[in-house]
Amino acid sequence: MKGYAKACANIALAKYWGKSDEVLNLPAVPSVSVTLDALVTETTVERDASLSGDEVVIDGARDEKAARKVTALLDLVRAQAGVSLDDPRRFARVSSENHFPAASGLASSASGFAALTAAGARAYGAELSLEALSALARRGSASAARSLFGGFVELPAGVPGDGSLAARMLHPPSWWDVRVVIALVTKAPKAVASRDGMRETARTSPYWSAWLACSPGYAHAVKEAIAKRDLEALGSTMEASTFAMHASAWAAVPAVRYVRGVTLDVLDRVEALRRAGTGAWATMDAGPHVKVLCAAGDAERVAAAMRDAPGVIDVRVASPGDGVVVA
């Protein structure tokens, strides 16, 4: 009657941005990611006969908007488990803790919904494969489909109407000893949620069709670079995918702009590192933080450069992490 799960957030190396089916939460483009061991969410789901609805506490606080999303995902889990509407233990207490700033562009929804899905399946007795859990987690957050798996992960584009889409692991964490240095620039939630930003970009950006056209090529090139352990090829393609994604969003009306002044300053520092001979490449999700891909041996040098940047409030160094852990 109780389930616990720990999941790590992931960073898309070939970006996911946009949906082909909003009801089923299917991505419009393929994406490739690496799971990060430094960004962890822990979630417990415990069924309780005294409840008349799910009780949700995230990072010690109740959030009604988040609770509605949690219940929607748990309803899918309950359906998979065959839980009846009149089951006295239908509802659950959900407690989730993010060990990093949430809702600010660090993929907390990915680790959060991955952990929720796995913990919920355990609590409700649903015996599901990782692929089935991934397909369920995708309904809460498309990026969550990737966080069920460790290492380097692919999520194909979704075909409208096909709810079976799941992510798959391309290579385990041990495949490549790289690092992602995370430069945090705020703890505040972002003003525009990713889902809203995607919708407005698709609706109004003149660059939307270009983004759809170029994304499969980025995903293919990223997979090739990972397979060959070619850091320069991976880094340059990752940056191209990142800037194309943000360009499409900036061109929306009104602009969907996640980047701040400090973000641009940090990007300048990453370029300066490269000019000085250190292999470092930057990416950002739908938020102002900068994540810097580099070799393991260069991580401390890159981290020191990020710490010296005015406006950076914290720096974390992440390695390829494991998939979801359930107990």
C-alpha atoms as a PDB file:
ATOM      1  CA  MET A   1       0.000   0.000   0.000  1.00  0.00           C
ATOM      2  CA  LYS A   2       3.066   2.235  -0.064  1.00  0.00           C
ATOM      3  CA  GLY A   3       5.685   2.987  -2.689  1.00  0.00           C
ATOM      4  CA  TYR A   4       8.892   4.983  -2.727  1.00  0.00           C
ATOM      5  CA  ALA A   5      10.912   6.044  -5.766  1.00  0.00           C
ATOM      6  CA  LYS A   6      13.968   8.147  -6.466  1.00  0.00           C
ATOM      7  CA  ALA A   7      14.517   9.578  -9.942  1.00  0.00           C
ATOM      8  CA  CYS A   8      17.038  11.930 -11.515  1.00  0.00           C
ATOM      9  CA  ALA A   9      16.308  14.824 -13.830  1.00  0.00           C
ATOM     10  CA  ASN A  10      17.773  14.745 -17.320  1.00  0.00           C
ATOM     11  CA  ILE A  11      19.149  17.310 -19.725  1.00  0.00           C
ATOM     12  CA  ALA A  12      18.183  17.111 -23.373  1.00  0.00           C
ATOM     13  CA  LEU A  13      21.238  17.145 -25.642  1.00  0.00           C
ATOM     14  CA  ALA A  14      18.954  17.258 -28.678  1.00  0.00           C
ATOM     15  CA  LYS A  15      16.067  19.399 -27.491  1.00  0.00           C
ATOM     16  CA  TYR A  16      12.406  18.545 -27.014  1.00  0.00           C
ATOM     17  CA  TRP A  17      10.173  21.544 -27.667  1.00  0.00           C
ATOM     18  CA  GLY A  18       6.568  21.298 -28.796  1.00  0.00           C
ATOM     19  CA  LYS A  19       3.796  18.728 -28.887  1.00  0.00           C
ATOM     20  CA  SER A  20       2.202  16.737 -31.669  1.00  0.00           C
ATOM     21  CA  ASP A  21      -0.753  15.765 -29.444  1.00  0.00           C
ATOM     22  CA  GLU A  22      -1.526  17.825 -26.330  1.00  0.00           C
ATOM     23  CA  VAL A  23      -4.093  15.388 -24.936  1.00  0.00           C
ATOM     24  CA  LEU A  24      -1.623  12.478 -24.949  1.00  0.00           C
ATOM     25  CA  ASN A  25       1.348  14.792 -24.301  1.00  0.00           C
ATOM     26  CA  LEU A  26       3.311  13.549 -27.302  1.00  0.00           C
ATOM     27  CA  PRO A  27       6.492  15.376 -28.378  1.00  0.00           C
ATOM     28  CA  ALA A  28       6.547  16.952 -31.820  1.00  0.00           C
ATOM     29  CA  VAL A  29      10.254  16.240 -32.284  1.00  0.00           C
ATOM     30  CA  PRO A  30      12.690  13.496 -31.241  1.00  0.00           C
ATOM     31  CA  SER A  31      15.009  14.186 -28.307  1.00  0.00           C
ATOM     32  CA  VAL A  32      18.134  12.641 -26.802  1.00  0.00           C
ATOM     33  CA  SER A  33      19.156  13.215 -23.189  1.00  0.00           C
ATOM     34  CA  VAL A  34      21.570  12.310 -20.434  1.00  0.00           C
ATOM     35  CA  THR A  35      20.273  11.526 -16.948  1.00  0.00           C
ATOM     36  CA  LEU A  36      22.036  13.615 -14.265  1.00  0.00           C
ATOM     37  CA  ASP A  37      22.988  12.168 -10.890  1.00  0.00           C
ATOM     38  CA  ALA A  38      23.115  15.576  -9.168  1.00  0.00           C
ATOM     39  CA  LEU A  39      19.433  16.460  -9.651  1.00  0.00           C
ATOM     40  CA  VAL A  40      17.306  14.097  -7.575  1.00  0.00           C
ATOM     41  CA  THR A  41      13.618  13.853  -6.635  1.00  0.00           C
ATOM     42  CA  GLU A  42      12.315  11.460  -3.970  1.00  0.00           C
ATOM     43  CA  THR A  43       8.611  10.614  -3.822  1.00  0.00           C
ATOM     44  CA  THR A  44       6.443   8.485  -1.553  1.00  0.00           C
ATOM     45  CA  VAL A  45       2.891   7.382  -2.389  1.00  0.00           C
ATOM     46  CA  GLU A  46       0.876   5.828   0.450  1.00  0.00           C
ATOM     47  CA  ARG A  47      -2.715   4.706   0.096  1.00  0.00           C
ATOM     48  CA  ASP A  48      -5.049   5.749   2.914  1.00  0.00           C
ATOM     49  CA  ALA A  49      -8.682   4.748   3.439  1.00  0.00           C
ATOM     50  CA  SER A  50      -9.369   7.938   5.400  1.00  0.00           C
ATOM     51  CA  LEU A  51      -8.863  10.143   2.318  1.00  0.00           C
ATOM     52  CA  SER A  52     -11.623  11.361  -0.003  1.00  0.00           C
ATOM     53  CA  GLY A  53      -9.066  12.643  -2.501  1.00  0.00           C
ATOM     54  CA  ASP A  54      -5.322  12.562  -3.069  1.00  0.00           C
ATOM     55  CA  GLU A  55      -3.304  14.630  -0.618  1.00  0.00           C
ATOM     56  CA  VAL A  56      -0.198  16.115  -2.233  1.00  0.00           C
ATOM     57  CA  VAL A  57       2.748  17.797  -0.511  1.00  0.00           C
ATOM     58  CA  ILE A  58       5.692  18.965  -2.622  1.00  0.00           C
ATOM     59  CA  ASP A  59       8.810  20.298  -0.936  1.00  0.00           C
ATOM     60  CA  GLY A  60       6.867  20.615   2.305  1.00  0.00           C
ATOM     61  CA  ALA A  61       3.984  22.657   0.903  1.00  0.00           C
ATOM     62  CA  ARG A  62       0.580  21.974  -0.591  1.00  0.00           C
ATOM     63  CA  ASP A  63       0.082  23.123  -4.167  1.00  0.00           C
ATOM     64  CA  GLU A  64      -3.418  22.727  -5.616  1.00  0.00           C
ATOM     65  CA  LYS A  65      -2.298  23.216  -9.218  1.00  0.00           C
ATOM     66  CA  ALA A  66       0.405  20.571  -8.847  1.00  0.00           C
ATOM     67  CA  ALA A  67      -2.047  18.315  -6.981  1.00  0.00           C
ATOM     68  CA  ARG A  68      -4.398  18.257  -9.970  1.00  0.00           C
ATOM     69  CA  LYS A  69      -1.548  17.076 -12.208  1.00  0.00           C
ATOM     70  CA  VAL A  70      -0.506  14.453  -9.666  1.00  0.00           C
ATOM     71  CA  THR A  71      -4.055  13.106  -9.403  1.00  0.00           C
ATOM     72  CA  ALA A  72      -4.396  12.969 -13.190  1.00  0.00           C
ATOM     73  CA  LEU A  73      -1.243  10.849 -13.405  1.00  0.00           C
ATOM     74  CA  LEU A  74      -2.253   8.636 -10.474  1.00  0.00           C
ATOM     75  CA  ASP A  75      -5.635   8.061 -12.134  1.00  0.00           C
ATOM     76  CA  LEU A  76      -3.748   6.530 -15.073  1.00  0.00           C
ATOM     77  CA  VAL A  77      -1.726   4.361 -12.693  1.00  0.00           C
ATOM     78  CA  ARG A  78      -4.892   3.305 -10.853  1.00  0.00           C
ATOM     79  CA  ALA A  79      -6.506   2.364 -14.159  1.00  0.00           C
ATOM     80  CA  GLN A  80      -3.482   0.226 -15.071  1.00  0.00           C
ATOM     81  CA  ALA A  81      -3.672  -1.463 -11.670  1.00  0.00           C
ATOM     82  CA  GLY A  82      -7.419  -2.122 -11.986  1.00  0.00           C
ATOM     83  CA  VAL A  83      -8.324  -0.087  -8.887  1.00  0.00           C
ATOM     84  CA  SER A  84     -12.096   0.369  -8.748  1.00  0.00           C
ATOM     85  CA  LEU A  85     -13.817   3.700  -8.147  1.00  0.00           C
ATOM     86  CA  ASP A  86     -15.271   2.399  -4.865  1.00  0.00           C
ATOM     87  CA  ASP A  87     -12.017   0.952  -3.505  1.00  0.00           C
ATOM     88  CA  PRO A  88     -11.729   2.299   0.079  1.00  0.00           C
ATOM     89  CA  ARG A  89      -7.997   2.822  -0.437  1.00  0.00           C
ATOM     90  CA  ARG A  90      -8.290   4.459  -3.829  1.00  0.00           C
ATOM     91  CA  PHE A  91      -6.650   7.717  -2.794  1.00  0.00           C
ATOM     92  CA  ALA A  92      -3.153   8.346  -1.505  1.00  0.00           C
ATOM     93  CA  ARG A  93      -0.886  10.684   0.385  1.00  0.00           C
ATOM     94  CA  VAL A  94       1.880  11.877  -1.906  1.00  0.00           C
ATOM     95  CA  SER A  95       5.029  13.447  -0.513  1.00  0.00           C
ATOM     96  CA  SER A  96       7.699  14.611  -2.951  1.00  0.00           C
ATOM     97  CA  GLU A  97      10.999  16.368  -2.316  1.00  0.00           C
ATOM     98  CA  ASN A  98      13.211  17.943  -4.958  1.00  0.00           C
ATOM     99  CA  HIS A  99      16.851  18.222  -3.955  1.00  0.00           C
ATOM    100  CA  PHE A 100      17.276  21.161  -6.324  1.00  0.00           C
ATOM    101  CA  PRO A 101      15.178  24.239  -7.266  1.00  0.00           C
ATOM    102  CA  ALA A 102      11.831  23.212  -8.771  1.00  0.00           C
ATOM    103  CA  ALA A 103       9.920  24.740 -11.692  1.00  0.00           C
ATOM    104  CA  SER A 104      12.850  26.955 -12.687  1.00  0.00           C
ATOM    105  CA  GLY A 105      14.183  25.217 -15.778  1.00  0.00           C
ATOM    106  CA  LEU A 106      16.097  22.306 -14.222  1.00  0.00           C
ATOM    107  CA  ALA A 107      13.682  19.572 -15.368  1.00  0.00           C
ATOM    108  CA  SER A 108      12.117  18.982 -11.953  1.00  0.00           C
ATOM    109  CA  SER A 109       8.944  17.879 -13.753  1.00  0.00           C
ATOM    110  CA  ALA A 110      10.958  15.098 -15.421  1.00  0.00           C
ATOM    111  CA  SER A 111      12.343  13.627 -12.208  1.00  0.00           C
ATOM    112  CA  GLY A 112       9.122  14.412 -10.347  1.00  0.00           C
ATOM    113  CA  PHE A 113       6.722  12.607 -12.658  1.00  0.00           C
ATOM    114  CA  ALA A 114       9.160   9.723 -13.172  1.00  0.00           C
ATOM    115  CA  ALA A 115       9.389   9.187  -9.411  1.00  0.00           C
ATOM    116  CA  LEU A 116       5.622   9.636  -8.986  1.00  0.00           C
ATOM    117  CA  THR A 117       4.827   7.068 -11.658  1.00  0.00           C
ATOM    118  CA  ALA A 118       7.179   4.457 -10.252  1.00  0.00           C
ATOM    119  CA  ALA A 119       6.157   5.032  -6.624  1.00  0.00           C
ATOM    120  CA  GLY A 120       2.484   5.034  -7.586  1.00  0.00           C
ATOM    121  CA  ALA A 121       2.810   1.777  -9.496  1.00  0.00           C
ATOM    122  CA  ARG A 122       4.410   0.161  -6.454  1.00  0.00           C
ATOM    123  CA  ALA A 123       1.729   1.503  -4.085  1.00  0.00           C
ATOM    124  CA  TYR A 124      -1.129   0.294  -6.289  1.00  0.00           C
ATOM    125  CA  GLY A 125       0.457  -3.040  -7.166  1.00  0.00           C
ATOM    126  CA  ALA A 126       0.796  -2.399 -10.906  1.00  0.00           C
ATOM    127  CA  GLU A 127       3.481  -4.720 -12.278  1.00  0.00           C
ATOM    128  CA  LEU A 128       4.763  -2.637 -15.179  1.00  0.00           C
ATOM    129  CA  SER A 129       7.919  -2.718 -17.275  1.00  0.00           C
ATOM    130  CA  LEU A 130      10.220   0.311 -17.467  1.00  0.00           C
ATOM    131  CA  GLU A 131       8.838   0.967 -20.953  1.00  0.00           C
ATOM    132  CA  ALA A 132       5.259   0.936 -19.648  1.00  0.00           C
ATOM    133  CA  LEU A 133       6.226   3.224 -16.754  1.00  0.00           C
ATOM    134  CA  SER A 134       7.949   5.542 -19.225  1.00  0.00           C
ATOM    135  CA  ALA A 135       4.810   5.769 -21.368  1.00  0.00           C
ATOM    136  CA  LEU A 136       2.738   6.605 -18.282  1.00  0.00           C
ATOM    137  CA  ALA A 137       5.223   9.184 -16.960  1.00  0.00           C
ATOM    138  CA  ARG A 138       5.181  10.860 -20.375  1.00  0.00           C
ATOM    139  CA  ARG A 139       1.538  11.795 -19.790  1.00  0.00           C
ATOM    140  CA  GLY A 140       2.644  13.989 -16.884  1.00  0.00           C
ATOM    141  CA  SER A 141       5.765  15.383 -18.541  1.00  0.00           C
ATOM    142  CA  ALA A 142       7.253  14.243 -21.842  1.00  0.00           C
ATOM    143  CA  SER A 143      10.753  14.636 -20.395  1.00  0.00           C
ATOM    144  CA  ALA A 144       9.775  12.327 -17.516  1.00  0.00           C
ATOM    145  CA  ALA A 145       9.625   9.451 -19.992  1.00  0.00           C
ATOM    146  CA  ARG A 146      13.418   9.749 -20.278  1.00  0.00           C
ATOM    147  CA  SER A 147      14.085   9.959 -16.513  1.00  0.00           C
ATOM    148  CA  LEU A 148      12.930   6.375 -15.952  1.00  0.00           C
ATOM    149  CA  PHE A 149      16.188   5.328 -17.610  1.00  0.00           C
ATOM    150  CA  GLY A 150      19.800   6.010 -16.738  1.00  0.00           C
ATOM    151  CA  GLY A 151      22.625   7.127 -18.985  1.00  0.00           C
ATOM    152  CA  PHE A 152      21.897   8.320 -22.514  1.00  0.00           C
ATOM    153  CA  VAL A 153      18.251   8.116 -23.535  1.00  0.00           C
ATOM    154  CA  GLU A 154      16.143   8.676 -26.658  1.00  0.00           C
ATOM    155  CA  LEU A 155      12.492   9.715 -26.891  1.00  0.00           C
ATOM    156  CA  PRO A 156      11.166   9.599 -30.463  1.00  0.00           C
ATOM    157  CA  ALA A 157       8.646  12.062 -31.830  1.00  0.00           C
ATOM    158  CA  GLY A 158       5.072  11.037 -31.148  1.00  0.00           C
ATOM    159  CA  VAL A 159       2.452  10.096 -33.706  1.00  0.00           C
ATOM    160  CA  PRO A 160      -0.814  11.883 -32.833  1.00  0.00           C
ATOM    161  CA  GLY A 161      -3.283   9.476 -31.251  1.00  0.00           C
ATOM    162  CA  ASP A 162      -0.669   6.862 -30.280  1.00  0.00           C
ATOM    163  CA  GLY A 163      -0.424   6.806 -26.497  1.00  0.00           C
ATOM    164  CA  SER A 164       2.126   3.981 -26.302  1.00  0.00           C
ATOM    165  CA  LEU A 165       5.206   6.145 -26.894  1.00  0.00           C
ATOM    166  CA  ALA A 166       8.047   5.466 -24.432  1.00  0.00           C
ATOM    167  CA  ALA A 167      11.697   6.368 -24.135  1.00  0.00           C
ATOM    168  CA  ARG A 168      14.554   3.900 -24.470  1.00  0.00           C
ATOM    169  CA  MET A 169      18.088   3.789 -23.167  1.00  0.00           C
ATOM    170  CA  LEU A 170      20.752   4.137 -25.847  1.00  0.00           C
ATOM    171  CA  HIS A 171      23.783   3.624 -23.580  1.00  0.00           C
ATOM    172  CA  PRO A 172      24.197   3.041 -19.819  1.00  0.00           C
ATOM    173  CA  PRO A 173      25.780   5.630 -17.507  1.00  0.00           C
ATOM    174  CA  SER A 174      29.128   3.845 -17.727  1.00  0.00           C
ATOM    175  CA  TRP A 175      29.268   4.335 -21.499  1.00  0.00           C
ATOM    176  CA  TRP A 176      30.954   7.725 -21.310  1.00  0.00           C
ATOM    177  CA  ASP A 177      32.637   9.530 -18.422  1.00  0.00           C
ATOM    178  CA  VAL A 178      31.500  13.065 -19.212  1.00  0.00           C
ATOM    179  CA  ARG A 179      30.302  15.826 -16.909  1.00  0.00           C
ATOM    180  CA  VAL A 180      27.557  18.434 -16.988  1.00  0.00           C
ATOM    181  CA  VAL A 181      28.373  21.531 -14.917  1.00  0.00           C
ATOM    182  CA  ILE A 182      25.149  23.265 -13.869  1.00  0.00           C
ATOM    183  CA  ALA A 183      25.259  27.010 -13.271  1.00  0.00           C
ATOM    184  CA  LEU A 184      22.155  28.038 -11.308  1.00  0.00           C
ATOM    185  CA  VAL A 185      21.178  31.683 -11.588  1.00  0.00           C
ATOM    186  CA  THR A 186      17.922  31.770  -9.589  1.00  0.00           C
ATOM    187  CA  LYS A 187      15.772  29.716  -7.233  1.00  0.00           C
ATOM    188  CA  ALA A 188      12.569  31.401  -8.382  1.00  0.00           C
ATOM    189  CA  PRO A 189       9.987  29.627 -10.546  1.00  0.00           C
ATOM    190  CA  LYS A 190       9.958  30.713 -14.173  1.00  0.00           C
ATOM    191  CA  ALA A 191       7.238  33.086 -15.339  1.00  0.00           C
ATOM    192  CA  VAL A 192       6.108  30.969 -18.310  1.00  0.00           C
ATOM    193  CA  ALA A 193       5.576  27.229 -17.845  1.00  0.00           C
ATOM    194  CA  SER A 194       7.188  25.028 -20.469  1.00  0.00           C
ATOM    195  CA  ARG A 195       3.854  23.708 -21.700  1.00  0.00           C
ATOM    196  CA  ASP A 196       2.513  27.233 -22.203  1.00  0.00           C
ATOM    197  CA  GLY A 197       5.718  28.326 -23.893  1.00  0.00           C
ATOM    198  CA  MET A 198       5.554  25.420 -26.323  1.00  0.00           C
ATOM    199  CA  ARG A 199       1.946  26.154 -27.156  1.00  0.00           C
ATOM    200  CA  GLU A 200       2.599  29.820 -27.879  1.00  0.00           C
ATOM    201  CA  THR A 201       5.697  29.039 -29.927  1.00  0.00           C
ATOM    202  CA  ALA A 202       3.786  26.577 -32.092  1.00  0.00           C
ATOM    203  CA  ARG A 203       0.868  28.983 -32.447  1.00  0.00           C
ATOM    204  CA  THR A 204       2.685  32.219 -33.266  1.00  0.00           C
ATOM    205  CA  SER A 205       6.375  31.743 -34.081  1.00  0.00           C
ATOM    206  CA  PRO A 206       7.356  32.095 -37.760  1.00  0.00           C
ATOM    207  CA  TYR A 207      10.316  29.823 -36.944  1.00  0.00           C
ATOM    208  CA  TRP A 208       8.168  26.935 -35.724  1.00  0.00           C
ATOM    209  CA  SER A 209       8.213  25.058 -39.035  1.00  0.00           C
ATOM    210  CA  ALA A 210      11.995  25.489 -39.252  1.00  0.00           C
ATOM    211  CA  TRP A 211      12.360  24.033 -35.754  1.00  0.00           C
ATOM    212  CA  LEU A 212      10.301  20.993 -36.717  1.00  0.00           C
ATOM    213  CA  ALA A 213      12.374  20.532 -39.868  1.00  0.00           C
ATOM    214  CA  CYS A 214      15.821  20.722 -38.256  1.00  0.00           C
ATOM    215  CA  SER A 215      15.199  18.786 -35.031  1.00  0.00           C
ATOM    216  CA  PRO A 216      15.414  15.219 -36.427  1.00  0.00           C
ATOM    217  CA  GLY A 217      18.835  16.013 -37.848  1.00  0.00           C
ATOM    218  CA  TYR A 218      20.043  17.268 -34.494  1.00  0.00           C
ATOM    219  CA  ALA A 219      18.799  14.116 -32.752  1.00  0.00           C
ATOM    220  CA  HIS A 220      20.519  11.885 -35.302  1.00  0.00           C
ATOM    221  CA  ALA A 221      23.811  13.771 -35.032  1.00  0.00           C
ATOM    222  CA  VAL A 222      23.691  13.670 -31.223  1.00  0.00           C
ATOM    223  CA  LYS A 223      23.149   9.894 -31.229  1.00  0.00           C
ATOM    224  CA  GLU A 224      26.065   9.446 -33.635  1.00  0.00           C
ATOM    225  CA  ALA A 225      28.350  11.585 -31.483  1.00  0.00           C
ATOM    226  CA  ILE A 226      27.429   9.676 -28.310  1.00  0.00           C
ATOM    227  CA  ALA A 227      27.997   6.333 -30.053  1.00  0.00           C
ATOM    228  CA  LYS A 228      31.481   7.504 -31.109  1.00  0.00           C
ATOM    229  CA  ARG A 229      32.202   9.310 -27.823  1.00  0.00           C
ATOM    230  CA  ASP A 230      32.997  12.405 -29.871  1.00  0.00           C
ATOM    231  CA  LEU A 231      32.703  15.250 -27.374  1.00  0.00           C
ATOM    232  CA  GLU A 232      33.281  18.102 -29.814  1.00  0.00           C
ATOM    233  CA  ALA A 233      30.660  16.795 -32.246  1.00  0.00           C
ATOM    234  CA  LEU A 234      28.194  16.277 -29.407  1.00  0.00           C
ATOM    235  CA  GLY A 235      28.836  19.689 -27.899  1.00  0.00           C
ATOM    236  CA  SER A 236      28.534  21.637 -31.136  1.00  0.00           C
ATOM    237  CA  THR A 237      25.321  19.838 -32.135  1.00  0.00           C
ATOM    238  CA  MET A 238      23.878  20.288 -28.654  1.00  0.00           C
ATOM    239  CA  GLU A 239      24.503  24.027 -28.838  1.00  0.00           C
ATOM    240  CA  ALA A 240      22.935  24.221 -32.302  1.00  0.00           C
ATOM    241  CA  SER A 241      19.803  22.431 -31.062  1.00  0.00           C
ATOM    242  CA  THR A 242      19.644  24.666 -27.979  1.00  0.00           C
ATOM    243  CA  PHE A 243      19.913  27.955 -29.840  1.00  0.00           C
ATOM    244  CA  ALA A 244      17.444  26.837 -32.517  1.00  0.00           C
ATOM    245  CA  MET A 245      14.924  25.941 -29.817  1.00  0.00           C
ATOM    246  CA  HIS A 246      15.306  29.271 -28.040  1.00  0.00           C
ATOM    247  CA  ALA A 247      15.240  31.193 -31.336  1.00  0.00           C
ATOM    248  CA  SER A 248      11.875  29.644 -32.196  1.00  0.00           C
ATOM    249  CA  ALA A 249      10.550  30.662 -28.775  1.00  0.00           C
ATOM    250  CA  TRP A 250      11.945  34.205 -28.948  1.00  0.00           C
ATOM    251  CA  ALA A 251      10.169  34.679 -32.277  1.00  0.00           C
ATOM    252  CA  ALA A 252       6.766  33.908 -30.739  1.00  0.00           C
ATOM    253  CA  VAL A 253       4.323  36.795 -30.291  1.00  0.00           C
ATOM    254  CA  PRO A 254       4.767  37.866 -27.563  1.00  0.00           C
ATOM    255  CA  ALA A 255       8.270  36.461 -27.215  1.00  0.00           C
ATOM    256  CA  VAL A 256       8.728  33.412 -25.017  1.00  0.00           C
ATOM    257  CA  ARG A 257      12.022  34.375 -23.421  1.00  0.00           C
ATOM    258  CA  TYR A 258      13.638  32.317 -20.668  1.00  0.00           C
ATOM    259  CA  VAL A 259      17.154  33.725 -20.991  1.00  0.00           C
ATOM    260  CA  ARG A 260      18.314  36.433 -18.575  1.00  0.00           C
ATOM    261  CA  GLY A 261      21.283  38.773 -18.695  1.00  0.00           C
ATOM    262  CA  VAL A 262      23.314  36.475 -16.452  1.00  0.00           C
ATOM    263  CA  THR A 263      22.554  33.600 -18.836  1.00  0.00           C
ATOM    264  CA  LEU A 264      24.208  35.484 -21.688  1.00  0.00           C
ATOM    265  CA  ASP A 265      27.200  36.347 -19.504  1.00  0.00           C
ATOM    266  CA  VAL A 266      27.660  32.675 -18.628  1.00  0.00           C
ATOM    267  CA  LEU A 267      27.404  31.710 -22.297  1.00  0.00           C
ATOM    268  CA  ASP A 268      30.219  34.192 -22.997  1.00  0.00           C
ATOM    269  CA  ARG A 269      32.333  32.463 -20.362  1.00  0.00           C
ATOM    270  CA  VAL A 270      31.739  29.087 -21.982  1.00  0.00           C
ATOM    271  CA  GLU A 271      32.934  30.467 -25.317  1.00  0.00           C
ATOM    272  CA  ALA A 272      35.979  31.979 -23.577  1.00  0.00           C
ATOM    273  CA  LEU A 273      36.829  28.575 -22.113  1.00  0.00           C
ATOM    274  CA  ARG A 274      36.773  27.053 -25.588  1.00  0.00           C
ATOM    275  CA  ARG A 275      38.967  29.794 -27.012  1.00  0.00           C
ATOM    276  CA  ALA A 276      41.443  29.092 -24.209  1.00  0.00           C
ATOM    277  CA  GLY A 277      41.549  25.407 -25.096  1.00  0.00           C
ATOM    278  CA  THR A 278      39.038  23.833 -22.692  1.00  0.00           C
ATOM    279  CA  GLY A 279      36.340  21.762 -24.362  1.00  0.00           C
ATOM    280  CA  ALA A 280      33.077  23.178 -22.992  1.00  0.00           C
ATOM    281  CA  TRP A 281      29.660  23.536 -24.630  1.00  0.00           C
ATOM    282  CA  ALA A 282      26.460  25.060 -23.263  1.00  0.00           C
ATOM    283  CA  THR A 283      22.794  24.207 -23.257  1.00  0.00           C
ATOM    284  CA  MET A 284      19.666  25.638 -21.606  1.00  0.00           C
ATOM    285  CA  ASP A 285      16.199  24.234 -21.205  1.00  0.00           C
ATOM    286  CA  ALA A 286      13.098  26.376 -20.720  1.00  0.00           C
ATOM    287  CA  GLY A 287      14.762  28.402 -17.998  1.00  0.00           C
ATOM    288  CA  PRO A 288      17.713  30.731 -17.384  1.00  0.00           C
ATOM    289  CA  HIS A 289      20.197  28.203 -16.000  1.00  0.00           C
ATOM    290  CA  VAL A 290      23.167  27.110 -18.115  1.00  0.00           C
ATOM    291  CA  LYS A 291      24.412  23.539 -18.241  1.00  0.00           C
ATOM    292  CA  VAL A 292      27.929  23.027 -19.568  1.00  0.00           C
ATOM    293  CA  LEU A 293      29.038  19.747 -21.153  1.00  0.00           C
ATOM    294  CA  CYS A 294      32.706  18.878 -20.736  1.00  0.00           C
ATOM    295  CA  ALA A 295      35.165  16.037 -20.203  1.00  0.00           C
ATOM    296  CA  ALA A 296      35.469  14.670 -16.674  1.00  0.00           C
ATOM    297  CA  GLY A 297      39.011  16.005 -16.407  1.00  0.00           C
ATOM    298  CA  ASP A 298      37.884  19.547 -17.229  1.00  0.00           C
ATOM    299  CA  ALA A 299      34.935  19.685 -14.836  1.00  0.00           C
ATOM    300  CA  GLU A 300      36.651  21.515 -11.990  1.00  0.00           C
ATOM    301  CA  ARG A 301      38.099  24.138 -14.329  1.00  0.00           C
ATOM    302  CA  VAL A 302      34.680  24.707 -15.883  1.00  0.00           C
ATOM    303  CA  ALA A 303      32.974  24.777 -12.480  1.00  0.00           C
ATOM    304  CA  ALA A 304      35.465  27.383 -11.217  1.00  0.00           C
ATOM    305  CA  ALA A 305      34.744  29.598 -14.231  1.00  0.00           C
ATOM    306  CA  MET A 306      31.009  29.311 -13.551  1.00  0.00           C
ATOM    307  CA  ARG A 307      31.428  30.146  -9.855  1.00  0.00           C
ATOM    308  CA  ASP A 308      33.304  33.320 -10.773  1.00  0.00           C
ATOM    309  CA  ALA A 309      30.447  34.548 -12.981  1.00  0.00           C
ATOM    310  CA  PRO A 310      28.458  37.400 -11.351  1.00  0.00           C
ATOM    311  CA  GLY A 311      24.861  36.310 -10.775  1.00  0.00           C
ATOM    312  CA  VAL A 312      25.557  32.576 -10.524  1.00  0.00           C
ATOM    313  CA  ILE A 313      24.224  31.490  -7.126  1.00  0.00           C
ATOM    314  CA  ASP A 314      25.237  27.817  -7.135  1.00  0.00           C
ATOM    315  CA  VAL A 315      27.222  25.370  -9.248  1.00  0.00           C
ATOM    316  CA  ARG A 316      26.738  21.608  -9.356  1.00  0.00           C
ATOM    317  CA  VAL A 317      28.742  19.003 -11.218  1.00  0.00           C
ATOM    318  CA  ALA A 318      26.740  16.045 -12.541  1.00  0.00           C
ATOM    319  CA  SER A 319      27.742  12.725 -14.056  1.00  0.00           C
ATOM    320  CA  PRO A 320      25.552  10.383 -16.126  1.00  0.00           C
ATOM    321  CA  GLY A 321      23.111   9.027 -13.576  1.00  0.00           C
ATOM    322  CA  ASP A 322      21.105   5.869 -12.997  1.00  0.00           C
ATOM    323  CA  GLY A 323      17.476   5.249 -13.797  1.00  0.00           C
ATOM    324  CA  VAL A 324      14.624   5.221 -11.320  1.00  0.00           C
ATOM    325  CA  VAL A 325      15.062   3.357  -8.016  1.00  0.00           C
ATOM    326  CA  VAL A 326      11.940   1.869  -6.414  1.00  0.00           C
ATOM    327  CA  ALA A 327      11.376   0.506  -2.924  1.00  0.00           C
END
